[in-house]
Amino acid sequence: MTSAAALRATHARLALGLTGVAVALAVVLPEPGAAAKAAVLAGLVAVLGLPHGAVDHLEGRALLAHRAGRWWWLVFGMLYVAAAVAVVAAWLAWPPGLLAGFLVLAAAHFGAEDIDADATAPGGPVRLMEVAVRGAIPVLGPVLFHPARTGELFAYLLPGTTVAGVQAVLVPMAWGAPVIAGGLTAFAVIAWATGRRRTAVEVLVLTAAVWVLPPLLAFVVYFCLWHAPRHTLTVAARLSPADARHGLVRFTRAALPLTLMTAVAGAAVSWWLGSAAHAVPAVIATVFVGLAALTVPHVVLAALHARFENEP
């Protein structure tokens, strides 16, 4: 039998190694083209990213089964789909507001998940500060380190705007790059000095990835190598506390149907939105708007689970 702690440690080593390899390759190899980056984004998000949210129905069952009885799945499905549709509607109605809200929500969610997976993390107000610091790496980092490239990506999500217009807003923010780099380095030094060496190395490696990699690939590295696997291991541990490997098998079986359905739906929407000439913007818009639509109910479920789990 394999413990959840052992799998977490193995994942941390693999994620650190693969992230380091990605950074090294980015330094020595020419940057891939836009189509290649979009293909990597869509492929890895579908294979490694989507499954971690495709088991939300398990948490939905735990929260609703004793309230709605055998019809819990219908209630859950209606609420989940309604939340996702509301996000897409918000994007159609006010893209800048949805983008800003999604970035804030993603930073908070990423930071909280990273902290929850760190047994050495502090508590109280310091914990909240660390959530903000660690959540800023994958969300704020690309904006400050690569404002022009990030502006190009954001323009795909903001219909009616131009790339130059978005870049005019983001490029002046580049002054914050040394500030966030210095702050994250100081955080890593403090973590190392207080015995949290794995946390220090993780923060430094992720900061290097966000600094060196193009924004799209930096997101893929963080989301697919760090965030999604961590949540997967957490759910697997709940499914089989005594044997984490058996929990992963159960997780895979539970996640497969909705993962396939979501991937097929995403491919169909991407094909519908863009012709061959506009394939890259269509893929990027589909992935990120789709993730925003799924993130809102996913985060709400995670918060409800934490709340009820901590109740006496």
C-alpha atoms as a PDB file:
ATOM      1  CA  MET A   1       0.000   0.000   0.000  1.00  0.00           C
ATOM      2  CA  THR A   2       1.143   3.548  -0.747  1.00  0.00           C
ATOM      3  CA  SER A   3       0.448   6.473   1.539  1.00  0.00           C
ATOM      4  CA  ALA A   4      -0.865   9.821   0.336  1.00  0.00           C
ATOM      5  CA  ALA A   5       2.214  11.512   1.807  1.00  0.00           C
ATOM      6  CA  ALA A   6       4.505   9.297  -0.263  1.00  0.00           C
ATOM      7  CA  LEU A   7       2.624  10.098  -3.468  1.00  0.00           C
ATOM      8  CA  ARG A   8       2.699  13.813  -2.649  1.00  0.00           C
ATOM      9  CA  ALA A   9       6.453  13.651  -2.146  1.00  0.00           C
ATOM     10  CA  THR A  10       6.899  11.773  -5.435  1.00  0.00           C
ATOM     11  CA  HIS A  11       4.728  14.308  -7.251  1.00  0.00           C
ATOM     12  CA  ALA A  12       6.719  17.220  -5.803  1.00  0.00           C
ATOM     13  CA  ARG A  13       9.983  15.719  -7.041  1.00  0.00           C
ATOM     14  CA  LEU A  14       8.576  15.003 -10.502  1.00  0.00           C
ATOM     15  CA  ALA A  15       7.003  18.442 -10.821  1.00  0.00           C
ATOM     16  CA  LEU A  16      10.229  20.150  -9.753  1.00  0.00           C
ATOM     17  CA  GLY A  17      12.263  18.083 -12.199  1.00  0.00           C
ATOM     18  CA  LEU A  18       9.920  18.600 -15.150  1.00  0.00           C
ATOM     19  CA  THR A  19       9.607  22.313 -14.455  1.00  0.00           C
ATOM     20  CA  GLY A  20      13.385  22.602 -14.321  1.00  0.00           C
ATOM     21  CA  VAL A  21      13.662  20.769 -17.642  1.00  0.00           C
ATOM     22  CA  ALA A  22      11.075  23.101 -19.197  1.00  0.00           C
ATOM     23  CA  VAL A  23      13.020  26.158 -18.030  1.00  0.00           C
ATOM     24  CA  ALA A  24      16.304  24.745 -19.327  1.00  0.00           C
ATOM     25  CA  LEU A  25      14.797  23.927 -22.731  1.00  0.00           C
ATOM     26  CA  ALA A  26      13.303  27.410 -22.965  1.00  0.00           C
ATOM     27  CA  VAL A  27      16.763  28.891 -22.435  1.00  0.00           C
ATOM     28  CA  VAL A  28      18.550  26.840 -25.100  1.00  0.00           C
ATOM     29  CA  LEU A  29      15.846  26.232 -27.712  1.00  0.00           C
ATOM     30  CA  PRO A  30      13.988  28.714 -29.928  1.00  0.00           C
ATOM     31  CA  GLU A  31      10.493  29.587 -28.796  1.00  0.00           C
ATOM     32  CA  PRO A  32       7.790  27.448 -30.433  1.00  0.00           C
ATOM     33  CA  GLY A  33       5.249  29.080 -32.697  1.00  0.00           C
ATOM     34  CA  ALA A  34       1.785  30.219 -31.654  1.00  0.00           C
ATOM     35  CA  ALA A  35       0.073  27.164 -33.130  1.00  0.00           C
ATOM     36  CA  ALA A  36       2.428  24.783 -31.309  1.00  0.00           C
ATOM     37  CA  LYS A  37       1.879  26.566 -27.990  1.00  0.00           C
ATOM     38  CA  ALA A  38      -1.895  26.510 -28.465  1.00  0.00           C
ATOM     39  CA  ALA A  39      -1.749  22.785 -29.256  1.00  0.00           C
ATOM     40  CA  VAL A  40       0.316  22.101 -26.121  1.00  0.00           C
ATOM     41  CA  LEU A  41      -2.145  24.149 -24.074  1.00  0.00           C
ATOM     42  CA  ALA A  42      -5.213  22.326 -25.374  1.00  0.00           C
ATOM     43  CA  GLY A  43      -3.650  18.871 -25.243  1.00  0.00           C
ATOM     44  CA  LEU A  44      -2.150  19.015 -21.756  1.00  0.00           C
ATOM     45  CA  VAL A  45      -5.126  20.801 -20.230  1.00  0.00           C
ATOM     46  CA  ALA A  46      -7.398  18.099 -21.662  1.00  0.00           C
ATOM     47  CA  VAL A  47      -5.211  15.211 -20.446  1.00  0.00           C
ATOM     48  CA  LEU A  48      -3.826  16.533 -17.159  1.00  0.00           C
ATOM     49  CA  GLY A  49      -5.961  19.531 -16.245  1.00  0.00           C
ATOM     50  CA  LEU A  50      -9.573  18.601 -16.894  1.00  0.00           C
ATOM     51  CA  PRO A  51      -9.650  15.371 -14.850  1.00  0.00           C
ATOM     52  CA  HIS A  52      -9.037  17.168 -11.548  1.00  0.00           C
ATOM     53  CA  GLY A  53     -12.341  19.002 -11.969  1.00  0.00           C
ATOM     54  CA  ALA A  54     -14.173  16.076 -13.556  1.00  0.00           C
ATOM     55  CA  VAL A  55     -14.742  14.514 -10.134  1.00  0.00           C
ATOM     56  CA  ASP A  56     -16.626  17.494  -8.726  1.00  0.00           C
ATOM     57  CA  HIS A  57     -19.731  15.311  -8.769  1.00  0.00           C
ATOM     58  CA  LEU A  58     -18.187  13.261  -5.948  1.00  0.00           C
ATOM     59  CA  GLU A  59     -18.100  16.310  -3.702  1.00  0.00           C
ATOM     60  CA  GLY A  60     -21.551  17.239  -4.962  1.00  0.00           C
ATOM     61  CA  ARG A  61     -22.861  13.839  -3.890  1.00  0.00           C
ATOM     62  CA  ALA A  62     -21.260  14.187  -0.464  1.00  0.00           C
ATOM     63  CA  LEU A  63     -22.897  17.586   0.013  1.00  0.00           C
ATOM     64  CA  LEU A  64     -26.319  16.861  -1.487  1.00  0.00           C
ATOM     65  CA  ALA A  65     -27.099  13.159  -1.102  1.00  0.00           C
ATOM     66  CA  HIS A  66     -28.491  13.488   2.418  1.00  0.00           C
ATOM     67  CA  ARG A  67     -30.426  16.619   1.444  1.00  0.00           C
ATOM     68  CA  ALA A  68     -31.855  15.724  -1.979  1.00  0.00           C
ATOM     69  CA  GLY A  69     -31.862  11.930  -1.702  1.00  0.00           C
ATOM     70  CA  ARG A  70     -31.518   9.894  -4.862  1.00  0.00           C
ATOM     71  CA  TRP A  71     -32.123  12.986  -6.977  1.00  0.00           C
ATOM     72  CA  TRP A  72     -28.927  14.654  -5.738  1.00  0.00           C
ATOM     73  CA  TRP A  73     -27.297  14.237  -9.166  1.00  0.00           C
ATOM     74  CA  LEU A  74     -30.070  16.208 -10.864  1.00  0.00           C
ATOM     75  CA  VAL A  75     -29.838  19.065  -8.366  1.00  0.00           C
ATOM     76  CA  PHE A  76     -26.055  19.052  -8.589  1.00  0.00           C
ATOM     77  CA  GLY A  77     -26.056  18.985 -12.392  1.00  0.00           C
ATOM     78  CA  MET A  78     -28.520  21.853 -12.675  1.00  0.00           C
ATOM     79  CA  LEU A  79     -26.612  24.032 -10.218  1.00  0.00           C
ATOM     80  CA  TYR A  80     -23.234  23.241 -11.770  1.00  0.00           C
ATOM     81  CA  VAL A  81     -24.371  23.894 -15.327  1.00  0.00           C
ATOM     82  CA  ALA A  82     -26.202  27.063 -14.259  1.00  0.00           C
ATOM     83  CA  ALA A  83     -23.028  28.419 -12.651  1.00  0.00           C
ATOM     84  CA  ALA A  84     -20.955  27.608 -15.736  1.00  0.00           C
ATOM     85  CA  VAL A  85     -23.510  29.169 -18.087  1.00  0.00           C
ATOM     86  CA  ALA A  86     -23.635  32.284 -15.894  1.00  0.00           C
ATOM     87  CA  VAL A  87     -19.871  32.675 -16.257  1.00  0.00           C
ATOM     88  CA  VAL A  88     -20.027  32.386 -20.037  1.00  0.00           C
ATOM     89  CA  ALA A  89     -22.918  34.867 -20.097  1.00  0.00           C
ATOM     90  CA  ALA A  90     -20.875  37.272 -17.963  1.00  0.00           C
ATOM     91  CA  TRP A  91     -18.004  36.976 -20.424  1.00  0.00           C
ATOM     92  CA  LEU A  92     -20.291  37.750 -23.346  1.00  0.00           C
ATOM     93  CA  ALA A  93     -21.844  40.692 -21.489  1.00  0.00           C
ATOM     94  CA  TRP A  94     -18.688  42.212 -19.963  1.00  0.00           C
ATOM     95  CA  PRO A  95     -15.444  40.485 -20.937  1.00  0.00           C
ATOM     96  CA  PRO A  96     -13.100  42.783 -18.928  1.00  0.00           C
ATOM     97  CA  GLY A  97     -15.050  42.197 -15.720  1.00  0.00           C
ATOM     98  CA  LEU A  98     -15.096  38.444 -16.202  1.00  0.00           C
ATOM     99  CA  LEU A  99     -11.363  38.365 -16.993  1.00  0.00           C
ATOM    100  CA  ALA A 100     -10.455  40.426 -13.925  1.00  0.00           C
ATOM    101  CA  GLY A 101     -12.706  38.368 -11.683  1.00  0.00           C
ATOM    102  CA  PHE A 102     -11.337  35.111 -13.048  1.00  0.00           C
ATOM    103  CA  LEU A 103      -7.732  36.183 -12.456  1.00  0.00           C
ATOM    104  CA  VAL A 104      -8.452  37.135  -8.848  1.00  0.00           C
ATOM    105  CA  LEU A 105     -10.391  33.921  -8.230  1.00  0.00           C
ATOM    106  CA  ALA A 106      -7.683  31.811  -9.869  1.00  0.00           C
ATOM    107  CA  ALA A 107      -4.920  33.426  -7.798  1.00  0.00           C
ATOM    108  CA  ALA A 108      -6.831  32.823  -4.571  1.00  0.00           C
ATOM    109  CA  HIS A 109      -7.672  29.240  -5.535  1.00  0.00           C
ATOM    110  CA  PHE A 110      -4.151  28.379  -6.670  1.00  0.00           C
ATOM    111  CA  GLY A 111      -2.597  29.886  -3.569  1.00  0.00           C
ATOM    112  CA  ALA A 112      -5.031  28.130  -1.238  1.00  0.00           C
ATOM    113  CA  GLU A 113      -4.467  24.736  -2.881  1.00  0.00           C
ATOM    114  CA  ASP A 114      -0.684  25.163  -2.695  1.00  0.00           C
ATOM    115  CA  ILE A 115      -0.913  26.035   0.994  1.00  0.00           C
ATOM    116  CA  ASP A 116      -3.261  23.150   1.774  1.00  0.00           C
ATOM    117  CA  ALA A 117      -0.748  20.748   0.223  1.00  0.00           C
ATOM    118  CA  ASP A 118       2.086  22.187   2.327  1.00  0.00           C
ATOM    119  CA  ALA A 119       2.195  20.626   5.782  1.00  0.00           C
ATOM    120  CA  THR A 120       4.763  23.221   6.880  1.00  0.00           C
ATOM    121  CA  ALA A 121       2.581  26.224   6.019  1.00  0.00           C
ATOM    122  CA  PRO A 122       1.777  28.633   8.871  1.00  0.00           C
ATOM    123  CA  GLY A 123      -1.670  29.457  10.182  1.00  0.00           C
ATOM    124  CA  GLY A 124      -3.589  32.645  10.921  1.00  0.00           C
ATOM    125  CA  PRO A 125      -3.038  35.937   9.056  1.00  0.00           C
ATOM    126  CA  VAL A 126       0.402  34.800   7.859  1.00  0.00           C
ATOM    127  CA  ARG A 127      -1.290  31.932   6.050  1.00  0.00           C
ATOM    128  CA  LEU A 128      -3.546  34.347   4.169  1.00  0.00           C
ATOM    129  CA  MET A 129      -0.525  36.413   3.162  1.00  0.00           C
ATOM    130  CA  GLU A 130       1.199  33.305   1.858  1.00  0.00           C
ATOM    131  CA  VAL A 131      -1.910  32.347  -0.131  1.00  0.00           C
ATOM    132  CA  ALA A 132      -1.689  35.716  -1.870  1.00  0.00           C
ATOM    133  CA  VAL A 133       2.062  35.414  -2.483  1.00  0.00           C
ATOM    134  CA  ARG A 134       1.965  31.916  -3.915  1.00  0.00           C
ATOM    135  CA  GLY A 135      -1.198  32.514  -5.918  1.00  0.00           C
ATOM    136  CA  ALA A 136       0.440  35.563  -7.510  1.00  0.00           C
ATOM    137  CA  ILE A 137       3.204  33.480  -9.098  1.00  0.00           C
ATOM    138  CA  PRO A 138       1.165  31.861 -11.910  1.00  0.00           C
ATOM    139  CA  VAL A 139      -1.348  34.716 -12.287  1.00  0.00           C
ATOM    140  CA  LEU A 140       0.438  38.028 -11.706  1.00  0.00           C
ATOM    141  CA  GLY A 141       3.895  36.809 -12.724  1.00  0.00           C
ATOM    142  CA  PRO A 142       3.215  36.534 -16.478  1.00  0.00           C
ATOM    143  CA  VAL A 143       1.574  39.982 -16.507  1.00  0.00           C
ATOM    144  CA  LEU A 144       4.619  41.640 -14.934  1.00  0.00           C
ATOM    145  CA  PHE A 145       7.388  39.593 -16.572  1.00  0.00           C
ATOM    146  CA  HIS A 146       5.838  39.435 -20.068  1.00  0.00           C
ATOM    147  CA  PRO A 147       3.223  42.220 -20.323  1.00  0.00           C
ATOM    148  CA  ALA A 148       3.304  42.454 -24.124  1.00  0.00           C
ATOM    149  CA  ARG A 149       2.843  38.715 -24.667  1.00  0.00           C
ATOM    150  CA  THR A 150       0.223  38.469 -21.942  1.00  0.00           C
ATOM    151  CA  GLY A 151      -1.586  41.401 -23.510  1.00  0.00           C
ATOM    152  CA  GLU A 152      -1.782  39.469 -26.759  1.00  0.00           C
ATOM    153  CA  LEU A 153      -3.401  36.536 -24.950  1.00  0.00           C
ATOM    154  CA  PHE A 154      -5.812  38.766 -23.049  1.00  0.00           C
ATOM    155  CA  ALA A 155      -6.883  40.391 -26.317  1.00  0.00           C
ATOM    156  CA  TYR A 156      -8.161  37.004 -27.475  1.00  0.00           C
ATOM    157  CA  LEU A 157     -10.450  36.999 -24.430  1.00  0.00           C
ATOM    158  CA  LEU A 158     -11.656  40.574 -24.891  1.00  0.00           C
ATOM    159  CA  PRO A 159     -13.761  40.785 -28.071  1.00  0.00           C
ATOM    160  CA  GLY A 160     -13.767  44.235 -29.600  1.00  0.00           C
ATOM    161  CA  THR A 161     -10.332  45.189 -28.300  1.00  0.00           C
ATOM    162  CA  THR A 162      -7.009  45.285 -30.101  1.00  0.00           C
ATOM    163  CA  VAL A 163      -3.756  43.709 -29.004  1.00  0.00           C
ATOM    164  CA  ALA A 164      -2.124  47.136 -28.976  1.00  0.00           C
ATOM    165  CA  GLY A 165      -4.884  48.509 -26.763  1.00  0.00           C
ATOM    166  CA  VAL A 166      -4.496  45.769 -24.159  1.00  0.00           C
ATOM    167  CA  GLN A 167      -0.712  46.016 -24.271  1.00  0.00           C
ATOM    168  CA  ALA A 168      -0.927  49.760 -23.683  1.00  0.00           C
ATOM    169  CA  VAL A 169      -2.545  48.957 -20.327  1.00  0.00           C
ATOM    170  CA  LEU A 170      -0.260  46.076 -19.320  1.00  0.00           C
ATOM    171  CA  VAL A 171       3.187  47.173 -20.546  1.00  0.00           C
ATOM    172  CA  PRO A 172       3.493  50.043 -18.033  1.00  0.00           C
ATOM    173  CA  MET A 173       3.009  47.427 -15.300  1.00  0.00           C
ATOM    174  CA  ALA A 174       6.416  45.953 -16.130  1.00  0.00           C
ATOM    175  CA  TRP A 175       7.954  48.145 -13.424  1.00  0.00           C
ATOM    176  CA  GLY A 176       6.474  45.657 -10.961  1.00  0.00           C
ATOM    177  CA  ALA A 177       8.572  42.759 -12.292  1.00  0.00           C
ATOM    178  CA  PRO A 178      11.636  43.487 -10.112  1.00  0.00           C
ATOM    179  CA  VAL A 179       9.344  44.043  -7.145  1.00  0.00           C
ATOM    180  CA  ILE A 180       7.595  40.674  -7.405  1.00  0.00           C
ATOM    181  CA  ALA A 181      10.869  38.902  -8.236  1.00  0.00           C
ATOM    182  CA  GLY A 182      12.520  40.426  -5.174  1.00  0.00           C
ATOM    183  CA  GLY A 183       9.529  39.669  -2.983  1.00  0.00           C
ATOM    184  CA  LEU A 184       9.351  36.027  -4.047  1.00  0.00           C
ATOM    185  CA  THR A 185      13.098  35.612  -3.595  1.00  0.00           C
ATOM    186  CA  ALA A 186      12.860  37.085  -0.098  1.00  0.00           C
ATOM    187  CA  PHE A 187       9.979  34.739   0.673  1.00  0.00           C
ATOM    188  CA  ALA A 188      12.050  31.766  -0.496  1.00  0.00           C
ATOM    189  CA  VAL A 189      15.024  32.853   1.617  1.00  0.00           C
ATOM    190  CA  ILE A 190      12.838  33.156   4.714  1.00  0.00           C
ATOM    191  CA  ALA A 191      11.208  29.795   4.019  1.00  0.00           C
ATOM    192  CA  TRP A 192      14.622  28.152   3.652  1.00  0.00           C
ATOM    193  CA  ALA A 193      15.917  29.766   6.832  1.00  0.00           C
ATOM    194  CA  THR A 194      12.903  28.525   8.796  1.00  0.00           C
ATOM    195  CA  GLY A 195      13.326  24.931   7.658  1.00  0.00           C
ATOM    196  CA  ARG A 196      10.775  24.961   4.817  1.00  0.00           C
ATOM    197  CA  ARG A 197      13.317  24.030   2.182  1.00  0.00           C
ATOM    198  CA  ARG A 198      10.977  22.238  -0.235  1.00  0.00           C
ATOM    199  CA  THR A 199       8.666  25.263  -0.201  1.00  0.00           C
ATOM    200  CA  ALA A 200      11.607  27.580  -0.870  1.00  0.00           C
ATOM    201  CA  VAL A 201      12.818  25.530  -3.834  1.00  0.00           C
ATOM    202  CA  GLU A 202       9.299  25.242  -5.244  1.00  0.00           C
ATOM    203  CA  VAL A 203       8.736  29.001  -5.117  1.00  0.00           C
ATOM    204  CA  LEU A 204      12.094  29.724  -6.756  1.00  0.00           C
ATOM    205  CA  VAL A 205      11.589  27.146  -9.513  1.00  0.00           C
ATOM    206  CA  LEU A 206       8.067  28.361 -10.288  1.00  0.00           C
ATOM    207  CA  THR A 207       9.241  31.982 -10.302  1.00  0.00           C
ATOM    208  CA  ALA A 208      12.001  31.032 -12.749  1.00  0.00           C
ATOM    209  CA  ALA A 209       9.444  29.234 -14.935  1.00  0.00           C
ATOM    210  CA  VAL A 210       7.126  32.233 -15.055  1.00  0.00           C
ATOM    211  CA  TRP A 211      10.069  34.526 -15.777  1.00  0.00           C
ATOM    212  CA  VAL A 212      11.670  32.424 -18.542  1.00  0.00           C
ATOM    213  CA  LEU A 213       8.760  30.636 -20.225  1.00  0.00           C
ATOM    214  CA  PRO A 214       6.250  32.338 -22.529  1.00  0.00           C
ATOM    215  CA  PRO A 215       3.028  33.076 -20.582  1.00  0.00           C
ATOM    216  CA  LEU A 216       1.013  30.331 -22.260  1.00  0.00           C
ATOM    217  CA  LEU A 217       3.598  27.644 -21.528  1.00  0.00           C
ATOM    218  CA  ALA A 218       4.153  28.966 -17.997  1.00  0.00           C
ATOM    219  CA  PHE A 219       0.439  28.493 -17.331  1.00  0.00           C
ATOM    220  CA  VAL A 220       0.556  24.974 -18.764  1.00  0.00           C
ATOM    221  CA  VAL A 221       3.512  24.063 -16.532  1.00  0.00           C
ATOM    222  CA  TYR A 222       1.867  25.362 -13.373  1.00  0.00           C
ATOM    223  CA  PHE A 223      -1.690  24.188 -14.033  1.00  0.00           C
ATOM    224  CA  CYS A 224      -0.882  20.770 -15.475  1.00  0.00           C
ATOM    225  CA  LEU A 225       2.217  19.814 -13.476  1.00  0.00           C
ATOM    226  CA  TRP A 226       1.424  21.393 -10.112  1.00  0.00           C
ATOM    227  CA  HIS A 227      -2.141  22.477  -9.473  1.00  0.00           C
ATOM    228  CA  ALA A 228      -4.182  19.713 -11.105  1.00  0.00           C
ATOM    229  CA  PRO A 229      -2.060  16.793  -9.809  1.00  0.00           C
ATOM    230  CA  ARG A 230      -2.170  18.183  -6.274  1.00  0.00           C
ATOM    231  CA  HIS A 231      -5.947  18.284  -6.303  1.00  0.00           C
ATOM    232  CA  THR A 232      -6.019  14.830  -7.863  1.00  0.00           C
ATOM    233  CA  LEU A 233      -3.903  13.406  -5.036  1.00  0.00           C
ATOM    234  CA  THR A 234      -6.109  15.105  -2.442  1.00  0.00           C
ATOM    235  CA  VAL A 235      -9.258  13.553  -3.881  1.00  0.00           C
ATOM    236  CA  ALA A 236      -7.541  10.167  -4.285  1.00  0.00           C
ATOM    237  CA  ALA A 237      -6.614  10.219  -0.605  1.00  0.00           C
ATOM    238  CA  ARG A 238     -10.246  10.841   0.316  1.00  0.00           C
ATOM    239  CA  LEU A 239     -11.434   8.005  -1.906  1.00  0.00           C
ATOM    240  CA  SER A 240      -9.030   5.503  -0.384  1.00  0.00           C
ATOM    241  CA  PRO A 241      -7.316   6.747   2.792  1.00  0.00           C
ATOM    242  CA  ALA A 242      -5.559   3.421   3.365  1.00  0.00           C
ATOM    243  CA  ASP A 243      -4.050   3.062  -0.122  1.00  0.00           C
ATOM    244  CA  ALA A 244      -3.471   6.169  -2.245  1.00  0.00           C
ATOM    245  CA  ARG A 245      -2.741   4.130  -5.378  1.00  0.00           C
ATOM    246  CA  HIS A 246      -6.136   2.479  -5.158  1.00  0.00           C
ATOM    247  CA  GLY A 247      -7.557   5.968  -4.667  1.00  0.00           C
ATOM    248  CA  LEU A 248      -5.939   7.053  -7.939  1.00  0.00           C
ATOM    249  CA  VAL A 249      -7.565   4.133  -9.740  1.00  0.00           C
ATOM    250  CA  ARG A 250     -10.958   5.104  -8.341  1.00  0.00           C
ATOM    251  CA  PHE A 251     -10.282   8.732  -9.238  1.00  0.00           C
ATOM    252  CA  THR A 252      -9.457   7.813 -12.852  1.00  0.00           C
ATOM    253  CA  ARG A 253     -12.646   5.802 -13.233  1.00  0.00           C
ATOM    254  CA  ALA A 254     -14.738   8.617 -11.787  1.00  0.00           C
ATOM    255  CA  ALA A 255     -13.060  11.347 -13.864  1.00  0.00           C
ATOM    256  CA  LEU A 256     -12.901   9.657 -17.261  1.00  0.00           C
ATOM    257  CA  PRO A 257     -16.500  10.119 -18.506  1.00  0.00           C
ATOM    258  CA  LEU A 258     -16.771  13.849 -17.780  1.00  0.00           C
ATOM    259  CA  THR A 259     -13.202  14.476 -18.926  1.00  0.00           C
ATOM    260  CA  LEU A 260     -13.969  12.977 -22.330  1.00  0.00           C
ATOM    261  CA  MET A 261     -17.268  14.816 -22.605  1.00  0.00           C
ATOM    262  CA  THR A 262     -15.693  18.164 -21.712  1.00  0.00           C
ATOM    263  CA  ALA A 263     -12.751  17.665 -24.075  1.00  0.00           C
ATOM    264  CA  VAL A 264     -15.057  16.805 -26.975  1.00  0.00           C
ATOM    265  CA  ALA A 265     -17.305  19.784 -26.201  1.00  0.00           C
ATOM    266  CA  GLY A 266     -14.287  22.088 -26.034  1.00  0.00           C
ATOM    267  CA  ALA A 267     -12.973  20.830 -29.362  1.00  0.00           C
ATOM    268  CA  ALA A 268     -16.382  21.382 -30.954  1.00  0.00           C
ATOM    269  CA  VAL A 269     -16.656  24.936 -29.609  1.00  0.00           C
ATOM    270  CA  SER A 270     -13.111  25.754 -30.744  1.00  0.00           C
ATOM    271  CA  TRP A 271     -13.871  24.436 -34.235  1.00  0.00           C
ATOM    272  CA  TRP A 272     -17.112  26.430 -34.349  1.00  0.00           C
ATOM    273  CA  LEU A 273     -15.475  29.682 -33.225  1.00  0.00           C
ATOM    274  CA  GLY A 274     -12.504  29.773 -35.544  1.00  0.00           C
ATOM    275  CA  SER A 275     -11.560  29.046 -39.097  1.00  0.00           C
ATOM    276  CA  ALA A 276      -8.064  27.837 -39.922  1.00  0.00           C
ATOM    277  CA  ALA A 277      -6.849  31.452 -40.016  1.00  0.00           C
ATOM    278  CA  HIS A 278      -8.175  32.120 -36.521  1.00  0.00           C
ATOM    279  CA  ALA A 279      -7.514  28.733 -34.980  1.00  0.00           C
ATOM    280  CA  VAL A 280      -5.045  29.939 -32.330  1.00  0.00           C
ATOM    281  CA  PRO A 281      -7.274  32.684 -30.871  1.00  0.00           C
ATOM    282  CA  ALA A 282     -10.245  30.294 -30.950  1.00  0.00           C
ATOM    283  CA  VAL A 283      -8.357  27.573 -29.064  1.00  0.00           C
ATOM    284  CA  ILE A 284      -7.035  29.999 -26.459  1.00  0.00           C
ATOM    285  CA  ALA A 285     -10.428  31.646 -25.933  1.00  0.00           C
ATOM    286  CA  THR A 286     -12.161  28.262 -25.667  1.00  0.00           C
ATOM    287  CA  VAL A 287      -9.660  26.917 -23.142  1.00  0.00           C
ATOM    288  CA  PHE A 288      -9.607  29.947 -20.862  1.00  0.00           C
ATOM    289  CA  VAL A 289     -13.291  30.838 -20.982  1.00  0.00           C
ATOM    290  CA  GLY A 290     -14.076  27.160 -20.506  1.00  0.00           C
ATOM    291  CA  LEU A 291     -11.731  26.981 -17.526  1.00  0.00           C
ATOM    292  CA  ALA A 292     -13.332  30.096 -16.061  1.00  0.00           C
ATOM    293  CA  ALA A 293     -16.789  28.542 -16.457  1.00  0.00           C
ATOM    294  CA  LEU A 294     -15.677  25.355 -14.707  1.00  0.00           C
ATOM    295  CA  THR A 295     -13.543  27.086 -12.082  1.00  0.00           C
ATOM    296  CA  VAL A 296     -16.383  28.967 -10.417  1.00  0.00           C
ATOM    297  CA  PRO A 297     -18.469  25.908  -9.407  1.00  0.00           C
ATOM    298  CA  HIS A 298     -15.236  23.961  -8.755  1.00  0.00           C
ATOM    299  CA  VAL A 299     -13.996  26.581  -6.273  1.00  0.00           C
ATOM    300  CA  VAL A 300     -17.409  26.885  -4.625  1.00  0.00           C
ATOM    301  CA  LEU A 301     -17.521  23.117  -4.103  1.00  0.00           C
ATOM    302  CA  ALA A 302     -14.003  23.104  -2.657  1.00  0.00           C
ATOM    303  CA  ALA A 303     -14.938  25.885  -0.241  1.00  0.00           C
ATOM    304  CA  LEU A 304     -18.140  24.126   0.841  1.00  0.00           C
ATOM    305  CA  HIS A 305     -16.278  20.865   1.334  1.00  0.00           C
ATOM    306  CA  ALA A 306     -13.665  22.599   3.505  1.00  0.00           C
ATOM    307  CA  ARG A 307     -16.356  24.314   5.521  1.00  0.00           C
ATOM    308  CA  PHE A 308     -18.382  21.203   6.269  1.00  0.00           C
ATOM    309  CA  GLU A 309     -15.256  19.108   6.814  1.00  0.00           C
ATOM    310  CA  ASN A 310     -14.070  21.504   9.526  1.00  0.00           C
ATOM    311  CA  GLU A 311     -17.419  21.723  11.279  1.00  0.00           C
ATOM    312  CA  PRO A 312     -17.591  19.891  14.617  1.00  0.00           C
END
